[in-house]
């Protein structure tokens, strides 16, 4: 069982009991913080919005630290421009304490199941209405198509054009 959480603009794969360094969190040492889950994986994967609202990922702040110093050197040749600066990132060491998919109470689960069943009944009724509309719309399209593709009508139009075209050229 694991989860992928987002904190500090980065994503981390976490499991219960795991310790990791993340961007500085605004919490005192010893406090618990809730992390934002993006994916939860146990028997099944949960990554939809409604399913992730039930996932609970909490971590305990162990310590606030500073990262290793990074040297930044800027240089432009033939101009005498040199700059050397450094940077140390502010970090927080956390330990994941809880990773669970909250099911809620049984009554609430029954209500959710009933609501889902009701919405599926409504969806099936809409689908049935849609097929009824589609069934009535198909004959209208079928009537229009043969009138345009009628071979006799094309032959009459061709004969008429040939007789009219000959008269126009003689008169012109």
N, C-alpha and C. Protein backbone atom coordinates (compact mmCIF):
# COMPACT_ATOMS: atom_id res chain seq x y z
N UNK A 1 0.84 -1.16 0.00
CA UNK A 1 0.00 0.00 0.00
C UNK A 1 0.90 1.24 0.00
N UNK A 2 0.66 2.13 -0.97
CA UNK A 2 1.44 3.36 -1.05
C UNK A 2 0.57 4.46 -1.63
N UNK A 3 1.09 5.68 -1.57
CA UNK A 3 0.38 6.82 -2.14
C UNK A 3 1.42 7.74 -2.78
N UNK A 4 0.94 8.52 -3.72
CA UNK A 4 1.77 9.58 -4.29
C UNK A 4 1.16 10.89 -3.82
N UNK A 5 1.97 11.69 -3.15
CA UNK A 5 1.48 12.94 -2.58
C UNK A 5 2.22 14.11 -3.21
N UNK A 6 1.58 15.28 -3.12
CA UNK A 6 2.18 16.50 -3.68
C UNK A 6 2.40 17.49 -2.55
N UNK A 7 3.63 17.97 -2.45
CA UNK A 7 3.95 19.00 -1.48
C UNK A 7 5.15 19.80 -1.99
N UNK A 8 5.07 21.10 -1.84
CA UNK A 8 6.18 21.95 -2.27
C UNK A 8 6.43 21.94 -3.76
N UNK A 9 5.41 21.65 -4.56
CA UNK A 9 5.56 21.64 -6.01
C UNK A 9 6.21 20.37 -6.54
N UNK A 10 6.43 19.40 -5.66
CA UNK A 10 7.03 18.13 -6.08
C UNK A 10 6.10 16.98 -5.68
N UNK A 11 6.31 15.82 -6.30
CA UNK A 11 5.51 14.64 -5.99
C UNK A 11 6.43 13.58 -5.41
N UNK A 12 5.92 12.90 -4.38
CA UNK A 12 6.70 11.87 -3.70
C UNK A 12 5.85 10.60 -3.57
N UNK A 13 6.50 9.44 -3.71
CA UNK A 13 5.86 8.15 -3.47
C UNK A 13 6.15 7.81 -2.02
N UNK A 14 5.10 7.67 -1.19
CA UNK A 14 5.28 7.46 0.24
C UNK A 14 4.58 6.20 0.70
N UNK A 15 5.13 5.61 1.76
CA UNK A 15 4.55 4.47 2.46
C UNK A 15 4.56 4.77 3.95
N UNK A 16 3.78 4.02 4.73
CA UNK A 16 3.72 4.25 6.16
C UNK A 16 5.10 3.98 6.77
N UNK A 17 5.55 4.91 7.65
CA UNK A 17 6.83 4.77 8.33
C UNK A 17 8.00 5.36 7.57
N UNK A 18 7.80 5.81 6.36
CA UNK A 18 8.89 6.35 5.54
C UNK A 18 9.25 7.77 5.99
N UNK A 19 10.54 8.07 5.98
CA UNK A 19 11.02 9.42 6.31
C UNK A 19 11.56 10.05 5.04
N UNK A 20 11.26 11.34 4.86
CA UNK A 20 11.77 12.03 3.67
C UNK A 20 11.93 13.52 3.92
N UNK A 21 12.74 14.15 3.08
CA UNK A 21 12.96 15.60 3.13
C UNK A 21 12.09 16.27 2.08
N UNK A 22 11.33 17.27 2.50
CA UNK A 22 10.46 18.02 1.58
C UNK A 22 10.75 19.50 1.76
N UNK A 23 10.19 20.32 0.87
CA UNK A 23 10.32 21.77 1.01
C UNK A 23 9.77 22.20 2.37
N UNK A 24 10.24 23.32 2.89
CA UNK A 24 9.89 23.77 4.23
C UNK A 24 8.37 23.88 4.39
N UNK A 25 7.86 23.24 5.44
CA UNK A 25 6.45 23.30 5.78
C UNK A 25 6.24 24.25 6.94
N UNK A 26 5.11 24.94 6.96
CA UNK A 26 4.81 25.90 8.01
C UNK A 26 4.15 25.18 9.19
N UNK A 27 4.90 24.31 9.84
CA UNK A 27 4.41 23.58 11.00
C UNK A 27 5.58 23.40 11.96
N UNK A 28 5.28 23.44 13.26
CA UNK A 28 6.33 23.28 14.27
C UNK A 28 6.75 21.82 14.37
N UNK A 29 7.93 21.60 14.96
CA UNK A 29 8.42 20.23 15.13
C UNK A 29 7.48 19.47 16.05
N UNK A 30 7.16 18.24 15.68
CA UNK A 30 6.26 17.40 16.47
C UNK A 30 4.81 17.48 16.02
N UNK A 31 4.44 18.46 15.21
CA UNK A 31 3.06 18.58 14.72
C UNK A 31 2.80 17.59 13.60
N UNK A 32 1.52 17.31 13.39
CA UNK A 32 1.11 16.46 12.27
C UNK A 32 0.60 17.34 11.15
N UNK A 33 0.93 16.96 9.93
CA UNK A 33 0.46 17.71 8.76
C UNK A 33 -0.24 16.73 7.82
N UNK A 34 -1.23 17.24 7.12
CA UNK A 34 -1.94 16.43 6.11
C UNK A 34 -1.33 16.71 4.75
N UNK A 35 -1.02 15.66 4.02
CA UNK A 35 -0.44 15.80 2.69
C UNK A 35 -1.51 15.56 1.64
N UNK A 36 -1.38 16.24 0.50
CA UNK A 36 -2.37 16.14 -0.57
C UNK A 36 -2.09 14.91 -1.44
N UNK A 37 -3.00 13.92 -1.42
CA UNK A 37 -2.77 12.72 -2.24
C UNK A 37 -3.14 12.95 -3.70
N UNK A 38 -2.37 12.36 -4.59
CA UNK A 38 -2.65 12.39 -6.02
C UNK A 38 -3.09 11.01 -6.48
N UNK A 39 -2.53 9.98 -5.84
CA UNK A 39 -2.86 8.61 -6.18
C UNK A 39 -2.74 7.76 -4.92
N UNK A 40 -3.64 6.79 -4.77
CA UNK A 40 -3.57 5.85 -3.65
C UNK A 40 -3.65 4.46 -4.24
N UNK A 41 -2.77 3.59 -3.79
CA UNK A 41 -2.73 2.23 -4.34
C UNK A 41 -2.72 1.23 -3.20
N UNK A 42 -3.75 0.37 -3.18
CA UNK A 42 -3.80 -0.74 -2.25
C UNK A 42 -4.14 -1.97 -3.07
N UNK A 43 -5.38 -2.47 -2.98
CA UNK A 43 -5.79 -3.53 -3.90
C UNK A 43 -6.12 -2.93 -5.27
N UNK A 44 -6.72 -1.74 -5.24
CA UNK A 44 -7.07 -1.04 -6.47
C UNK A 44 -6.45 0.35 -6.43
N UNK A 45 -6.27 0.93 -7.59
CA UNK A 45 -5.73 2.28 -7.67
C UNK A 45 -6.87 3.29 -7.57
N UNK A 46 -6.68 4.33 -6.77
CA UNK A 46 -7.65 5.41 -6.62
C UNK A 46 -6.97 6.69 -7.05
N UNK A 47 -7.48 7.31 -8.12
CA UNK A 47 -6.91 8.58 -8.55
C UNK A 47 -7.96 9.55 -9.03
N UNK A 48 -9.25 9.25 -8.85
CA UNK A 48 -10.29 10.21 -9.20
C UNK A 48 -10.54 11.15 -8.02
N UNK A 49 -11.12 12.30 -8.29
CA UNK A 49 -11.28 13.34 -7.29
C UNK A 49 -12.13 12.89 -6.11
N UNK A 50 -13.24 12.22 -6.38
CA UNK A 50 -14.13 11.80 -5.30
C UNK A 50 -13.48 10.72 -4.44
N UNK A 51 -12.75 9.82 -5.06
CA UNK A 51 -12.07 8.77 -4.31
C UNK A 51 -10.92 9.32 -3.47
N UNK A 52 -10.21 10.32 -3.98
CA UNK A 52 -9.07 10.88 -3.25
C UNK A 52 -9.51 11.71 -2.05
N UNK A 53 -10.76 12.17 -2.04
CA UNK A 53 -11.25 12.92 -0.88
C UNK A 53 -11.35 12.01 0.34
N UNK A 54 -11.47 10.71 0.13
CA UNK A 54 -11.56 9.75 1.23
C UNK A 54 -10.19 9.30 1.72
N UNK A 55 -9.13 9.56 0.94
CA UNK A 55 -7.78 9.13 1.31
C UNK A 55 -7.20 10.11 2.31
N UNK A 56 -6.58 9.54 3.35
CA UNK A 56 -5.98 10.37 4.40
C UNK A 56 -4.51 10.03 4.52
N UNK A 57 -3.65 11.01 4.27
CA UNK A 57 -2.20 10.84 4.40
C UNK A 57 -1.71 11.89 5.39
N UNK A 58 -1.22 11.44 6.53
CA UNK A 58 -0.71 12.37 7.53
C UNK A 58 0.76 12.05 7.81
N UNK A 59 1.49 13.09 8.16
CA UNK A 59 2.92 12.95 8.46
C UNK A 59 3.25 13.79 9.69
N UNK A 60 4.27 13.37 10.42
CA UNK A 60 4.72 14.08 11.61
C UNK A 60 6.01 14.81 11.26
N UNK A 61 6.09 16.09 11.62
CA UNK A 61 7.28 16.88 11.37
C UNK A 61 8.34 16.49 12.40
N UNK A 62 9.47 16.00 11.90
CA UNK A 62 10.55 15.58 12.79
C UNK A 62 11.51 16.74 13.06
N UNK A 63 11.95 17.43 12.00
CA UNK A 63 12.90 18.53 12.18
C UNK A 63 12.89 19.44 10.97
N UNK A 64 13.34 20.67 11.19
CA UNK A 64 13.55 21.61 10.10
C UNK A 64 15.06 21.69 9.86
N UNK A 65 15.46 21.57 8.61
CA UNK A 65 16.88 21.53 8.27
C UNK A 65 17.16 22.47 7.11
N UNK A 66 18.45 22.60 6.81
CA UNK A 66 18.87 23.33 5.62
C UNK A 66 19.64 22.37 4.75
N UNK A 67 19.41 22.47 3.45
CA UNK A 67 20.07 21.57 2.51
C UNK A 67 21.53 21.91 2.31
N UNK A 68 22.19 21.12 1.52
CA UNK A 68 23.60 21.33 1.21
C UNK A 68 23.76 22.60 0.38
N UNK A 69 24.91 23.27 0.53
CA UNK A 69 25.13 24.53 -0.17
C UNK A 69 25.41 24.30 -1.65
N UNK A 70 24.72 25.05 -2.47
CA UNK A 70 24.95 25.02 -3.91
C UNK A 70 25.70 26.28 -4.30
N UNK A 71 26.74 26.11 -5.09
CA UNK A 71 27.53 27.25 -5.56
C UNK A 71 27.02 27.68 -6.93
N UNK A 72 26.75 28.97 -7.04
CA UNK A 72 26.30 29.52 -8.32
C UNK A 72 27.38 30.49 -8.79
N UNK A 73 27.93 30.22 -9.97
CA UNK A 73 29.01 31.04 -10.50
C UNK A 73 28.59 31.62 -11.84
N UNK A 74 28.62 32.96 -11.94
CA UNK A 74 28.28 33.64 -13.19
C UNK A 74 29.56 34.25 -13.75
N UNK A 75 29.73 34.10 -15.06
CA UNK A 75 30.96 34.56 -15.69
C UNK A 75 30.67 34.97 -17.12
N UNK A 76 31.18 36.15 -17.50
CA UNK A 76 31.08 36.59 -18.90
C UNK A 76 32.50 36.86 -19.38
N UNK A 77 32.93 36.14 -20.39
CA UNK A 77 34.32 36.29 -20.83
C UNK A 77 34.59 37.66 -21.46
N UNK A 78 35.83 38.13 -21.34
CA UNK A 78 36.33 39.37 -21.94
C UNK A 78 35.64 40.62 -21.40
N UNK A 79 34.94 40.50 -20.29
CA UNK A 79 34.27 41.68 -19.73
C UNK A 79 34.64 41.91 -18.27
N UNK A 80 35.35 40.97 -17.68
CA UNK A 80 35.72 41.11 -16.27
C UNK A 80 34.56 40.91 -15.31
N UNK A 81 33.52 40.21 -15.74
CA UNK A 81 32.34 40.01 -14.91
C UNK A 81 32.39 38.61 -14.30
N UNK A 82 32.52 38.55 -12.96
CA UNK A 82 32.51 37.28 -12.24
C UNK A 82 31.69 37.47 -10.97
N UNK A 83 30.78 36.55 -10.71
CA UNK A 83 29.98 36.58 -9.49
C UNK A 83 29.88 35.16 -8.94
N UNK A 84 30.11 35.03 -7.66
CA UNK A 84 29.95 33.72 -7.03
C UNK A 84 28.99 33.88 -5.86
N UNK A 85 27.91 33.15 -5.91
CA UNK A 85 26.93 33.17 -4.83
C UNK A 85 26.62 31.74 -4.43
N UNK A 86 25.90 31.57 -3.35
CA UNK A 86 25.52 30.24 -2.90
C UNK A 86 24.06 30.22 -2.50
N UNK A 87 23.56 29.01 -2.32
CA UNK A 87 22.16 28.86 -1.93
C UNK A 87 22.01 27.62 -1.06
N UNK A 88 21.27 27.74 0.04
CA UNK A 88 20.94 26.59 0.87
C UNK A 88 19.42 26.54 1.00
N UNK A 89 18.82 25.43 0.57
CA UNK A 89 17.37 25.29 0.58
C UNK A 89 16.87 24.97 1.99
N UNK A 90 15.76 25.58 2.36
CA UNK A 90 15.10 25.30 3.64
C UNK A 90 14.26 24.03 3.46
N UNK A 91 14.49 23.02 4.30
CA UNK A 91 13.82 21.73 4.17
C UNK A 91 13.17 21.30 5.48
N UNK A 92 12.25 20.38 5.39
CA UNK A 92 11.60 19.79 6.56
C UNK A 92 11.68 18.28 6.44
N UNK A 93 12.14 17.62 7.49
CA UNK A 93 12.18 16.15 7.52
C UNK A 93 10.88 15.68 8.16
N UNK A 94 10.15 14.82 7.42
CA UNK A 94 8.86 14.31 7.92
C UNK A 94 8.87 12.79 7.92
N UNK A 95 7.97 12.23 8.72
CA UNK A 95 7.76 10.77 8.76
C UNK A 95 6.28 10.52 8.53
N UNK A 96 5.96 9.68 7.56
CA UNK A 96 4.56 9.37 7.25
C UNK A 96 4.03 8.46 8.34
N UNK A 97 2.98 8.92 9.03
CA UNK A 97 2.42 8.16 10.14
C UNK A 97 1.16 7.40 9.76
N UNK A 98 0.35 7.97 8.88
CA UNK A 98 -0.91 7.32 8.54
C UNK A 98 -1.14 7.40 7.04
N UNK A 99 -1.61 6.30 6.49
CA UNK A 99 -1.91 6.20 5.07
C UNK A 99 -3.13 5.29 4.97
N UNK A 100 -4.32 5.89 4.82
CA UNK A 100 -5.53 5.07 4.87
C UNK A 100 -6.58 5.60 3.93
N UNK A 101 -7.44 4.69 3.51
CA UNK A 101 -8.61 5.03 2.70
C UNK A 101 -9.79 5.01 3.63
N UNK A 102 -10.29 6.19 4.00
CA UNK A 102 -11.41 6.29 4.94
C UNK A 102 -12.70 5.86 4.29
N UNK A 103 -13.38 4.87 4.89
CA UNK A 103 -14.62 4.35 4.34
C UNK A 103 -15.84 5.08 4.86
N UNK A 104 -15.74 5.70 6.04
CA UNK A 104 -16.90 6.37 6.62
C UNK A 104 -17.81 5.36 7.29
N UNK A 105 -19.01 5.81 7.72
CA UNK A 105 -19.95 4.93 8.40
C UNK A 105 -20.71 4.08 7.40
N UNK A 106 -21.34 3.02 7.90
CA UNK A 106 -22.08 2.13 7.01
C UNK A 106 -23.33 2.80 6.46
N UNK A 107 -23.98 3.61 7.27
CA UNK A 107 -25.18 4.31 6.80
C UNK A 107 -24.83 5.26 5.66
N UNK A 108 -23.71 5.95 5.81
CA UNK A 108 -23.30 6.87 4.76
C UNK A 108 -22.94 6.11 3.48
N UNK A 109 -22.31 4.95 3.65
CA UNK A 109 -21.97 4.12 2.49
C UNK A 109 -23.23 3.66 1.77
N UNK A 110 -24.27 3.30 2.54
CA UNK A 110 -25.53 2.88 1.93
C UNK A 110 -26.18 4.04 1.17
N UNK A 111 -26.11 5.25 1.77
CA UNK A 111 -26.68 6.43 1.10
C UNK A 111 -25.94 6.70 -0.21
N UNK A 112 -24.62 6.60 -0.17
CA UNK A 112 -23.82 6.80 -1.39
C UNK A 112 -24.16 5.77 -2.45
N UNK A 113 -24.33 4.50 -2.02
CA UNK A 113 -24.69 3.45 -2.97
C UNK A 113 -26.07 3.70 -3.58
N UNK A 114 -27.01 4.15 -2.74
CA UNK A 114 -28.35 4.45 -3.23
C UNK A 114 -28.31 5.62 -4.21
N UNK A 115 -27.52 6.64 -3.88
CA UNK A 115 -27.40 7.80 -4.77
C UNK A 115 -26.77 7.39 -6.10
N UNK A 116 -25.78 6.53 -6.03
CA UNK A 116 -25.12 6.06 -7.25
C UNK A 116 -26.09 5.23 -8.09
N UNK A 117 -26.89 4.37 -7.42
CA UNK A 117 -27.87 3.56 -8.15
C UNK A 117 -28.94 4.46 -8.77
N UNK A 118 -29.36 5.48 -8.02
CA UNK A 118 -30.36 6.42 -8.56
C UNK A 118 -29.82 7.18 -9.75
N UNK A 119 -28.57 7.58 -9.67
CA UNK A 119 -27.99 8.31 -10.80
C UNK A 119 -27.80 7.39 -11.99
N UNK A 120 -27.51 6.10 -11.74
CA UNK A 120 -27.36 5.17 -12.86
C UNK A 120 -28.72 4.90 -13.51
N UNK A 121 -29.81 4.87 -12.69
CA UNK A 121 -31.15 4.71 -13.26
C UNK A 121 -31.51 5.92 -14.11
N UNK A 122 -31.18 7.10 -13.61
CA UNK A 122 -31.46 8.32 -14.38
C UNK A 122 -30.64 8.33 -15.67
N UNK A 123 -29.39 7.88 -15.57
CA UNK A 123 -28.54 7.83 -16.76
C UNK A 123 -29.09 6.84 -17.78
N UNK A 124 -29.60 5.68 -17.30
CA UNK A 124 -30.15 4.71 -18.24
C UNK A 124 -31.44 5.23 -18.86
N UNK A 125 -32.23 5.99 -18.09
CA UNK A 125 -33.45 6.59 -18.65
C UNK A 125 -33.09 7.63 -19.72
N UNK A 126 -32.04 8.42 -19.46
CA UNK A 126 -31.60 9.40 -20.45
C UNK A 126 -31.09 8.70 -21.71
N UNK A 127 -30.37 7.61 -21.52
CA UNK A 127 -29.86 6.86 -22.66
C UNK A 127 -31.00 6.28 -23.48
N UNK A 128 -32.04 5.77 -22.79
CA UNK A 128 -33.20 5.23 -23.49
C UNK A 128 -33.92 6.33 -24.27
N UNK A 129 -34.04 7.51 -23.67
CA UNK A 129 -34.67 8.63 -24.36
C UNK A 129 -33.83 9.04 -25.56
N UNK A 130 -32.52 9.01 -25.39
CA UNK A 130 -31.62 9.36 -26.49
C UNK A 130 -31.76 8.38 -27.64
N UNK A 131 -31.91 7.08 -27.35
CA UNK A 131 -32.07 6.11 -28.43
C UNK A 131 -33.42 6.26 -29.10
N UNK A 132 -34.45 6.65 -28.32
CA UNK A 132 -35.77 6.87 -28.92
C UNK A 132 -35.72 8.06 -29.87
N UNK A 133 -35.02 9.11 -29.47
CA UNK A 133 -34.88 10.28 -30.35
C UNK A 133 -34.09 9.91 -31.60
N UNK A 134 -33.05 9.12 -31.40
CA UNK A 134 -32.22 8.71 -32.54
C UNK A 134 -33.03 7.84 -33.49
N UNK A 135 -33.92 7.00 -32.95
CA UNK A 135 -34.73 6.13 -33.80
C UNK A 135 -35.72 6.95 -34.63
N UNK A 136 -36.26 8.01 -34.04
CA UNK A 136 -37.19 8.86 -34.80
C UNK A 136 -36.44 9.72 -35.81
N UNK A 137 -35.21 10.05 -35.52
CA UNK A 137 -34.45 10.91 -36.43
C UNK A 137 -33.92 10.14 -37.64
N UNK A 138 -33.71 8.84 -37.53
CA UNK A 138 -33.13 8.08 -38.62
C UNK A 138 -34.02 8.05 -39.87
N UNK A 139 -35.35 7.82 -39.77
CA UNK A 139 -36.16 7.79 -40.99
C UNK A 139 -36.14 9.14 -41.74
N UNK A 140 -36.05 10.25 -41.01
CA UNK A 140 -36.01 11.55 -41.67
C UNK A 140 -34.77 11.66 -42.55
N UNK A 141 -33.65 11.18 -42.06
CA UNK A 141 -32.42 11.22 -42.84
C UNK A 141 -32.52 10.26 -44.03
N UNK A 142 -33.16 9.13 -43.81
CA UNK A 142 -33.27 8.13 -44.87
C UNK A 142 -34.12 8.64 -46.02
N UNK A 143 -35.16 9.43 -45.72
CA UNK A 143 -36.02 9.97 -46.77
C UNK A 143 -35.27 11.00 -47.61
N UNK A 144 -34.45 11.80 -46.96
CA UNK A 144 -33.74 12.86 -47.68
C UNK A 144 -32.66 12.28 -48.58
N UNK A 145 -32.00 11.24 -48.17
CA UNK A 145 -30.90 10.69 -48.93
C UNK A 145 -31.33 10.08 -50.27
N UNK A 146 -32.39 9.25 -50.36
CA UNK A 146 -32.75 8.67 -51.65
C UNK A 146 -33.22 9.73 -52.65
N UNK A 147 -33.84 10.82 -52.20
CA UNK A 147 -34.32 11.84 -53.13
C UNK A 147 -33.15 12.48 -53.86
N UNK A 148 -32.05 12.68 -53.17
CA UNK A 148 -30.88 13.29 -53.78
C UNK A 148 -30.17 12.33 -54.73
N UNK A 149 -30.16 11.05 -54.37
CA UNK A 149 -29.39 10.08 -55.14
C UNK A 149 -30.25 9.33 -56.16
N UNK A 150 -31.40 9.82 -56.46
CA UNK A 150 -32.29 9.12 -57.39
C UNK A 150 -31.70 9.13 -58.80
N UNK A 151 -31.59 7.97 -59.40
CA UNK A 151 -31.01 7.84 -60.74
C UNK A 151 -31.92 8.43 -61.81
N UNK A 152 -33.24 8.29 -61.67
CA UNK A 152 -34.19 8.82 -62.65
C UNK A 152 -34.15 10.35 -62.67
N UNK A 153 -34.03 10.95 -61.50
CA UNK A 153 -33.99 12.42 -61.43
C UNK A 153 -32.71 12.93 -62.10
N UNK A 154 -31.60 12.23 -61.91
CA UNK A 154 -30.35 12.66 -62.54
C UNK A 154 -30.45 12.54 -64.06
N UNK A 155 -31.08 11.49 -64.54
CA UNK A 155 -31.21 11.30 -65.99
C UNK A 155 -32.07 12.39 -66.60
N UNK A 156 -33.18 12.75 -65.92
CA UNK A 156 -34.05 13.82 -66.42
C UNK A 156 -33.30 15.14 -66.46
N UNK A 157 -32.54 15.43 -65.40
CA UNK A 157 -31.79 16.68 -65.35
C UNK A 157 -30.75 16.72 -66.45
N UNK A 158 -30.10 15.61 -66.75
CA UNK A 158 -29.08 15.56 -67.79
C UNK A 158 -29.72 15.79 -69.15
N UNK A 159 -30.88 15.15 -69.43
CA UNK A 159 -31.56 15.33 -70.70
C UNK A 159 -32.01 16.77 -70.87
N UNK A 160 -32.53 17.35 -69.81
CA UNK A 160 -33.03 18.72 -69.88
C UNK A 160 -31.88 19.70 -70.16
N UNK A 161 -30.74 19.48 -69.46
CA UNK A 161 -29.58 20.34 -69.67
C UNK A 161 -29.06 20.22 -71.10
N UNK A 162 -29.09 19.04 -71.66
CA UNK A 162 -28.58 18.84 -73.02
C UNK A 162 -29.46 19.57 -74.03
N UNK A 163 -30.78 19.49 -73.85
CA UNK A 163 -31.68 20.18 -74.79
C UNK A 163 -31.61 21.68 -74.61
N UNK A 164 -31.54 22.14 -73.37
CA UNK A 164 -31.47 23.58 -73.14
C UNK A 164 -30.12 24.12 -73.58
N UNK A 165 -29.05 23.34 -73.34
CA UNK A 165 -27.71 23.79 -73.70
C UNK A 165 -27.58 23.94 -75.20
N UNK A 166 -28.22 23.05 -75.97
CA UNK A 166 -28.14 23.13 -77.42
C UNK A 166 -28.86 24.36 -77.93
N UNK A 167 -29.99 24.71 -77.32
CA UNK A 167 -30.75 25.87 -77.74
C UNK A 167 -29.99 27.15 -77.44
N UNK A 168 -29.29 27.15 -76.33
CA UNK A 168 -28.55 28.37 -75.96
C UNK A 168 -27.38 28.61 -76.90
N UNK A 169 -26.68 27.56 -77.28
CA UNK A 169 -25.53 27.75 -78.16
C UNK A 169 -25.97 28.18 -79.54
N UNK A 170 -27.15 27.67 -80.03
CA UNK A 170 -27.62 28.06 -81.35
C UNK A 170 -28.05 29.53 -81.35
N UNK A 171 -28.66 29.94 -80.24
CA UNK A 171 -29.13 31.31 -80.18
C UNK A 171 -28.01 32.30 -79.90
N UNK A 172 -26.93 31.89 -79.37
CA UNK A 172 -25.87 32.81 -79.01
C UNK A 172 -24.87 33.01 -80.05
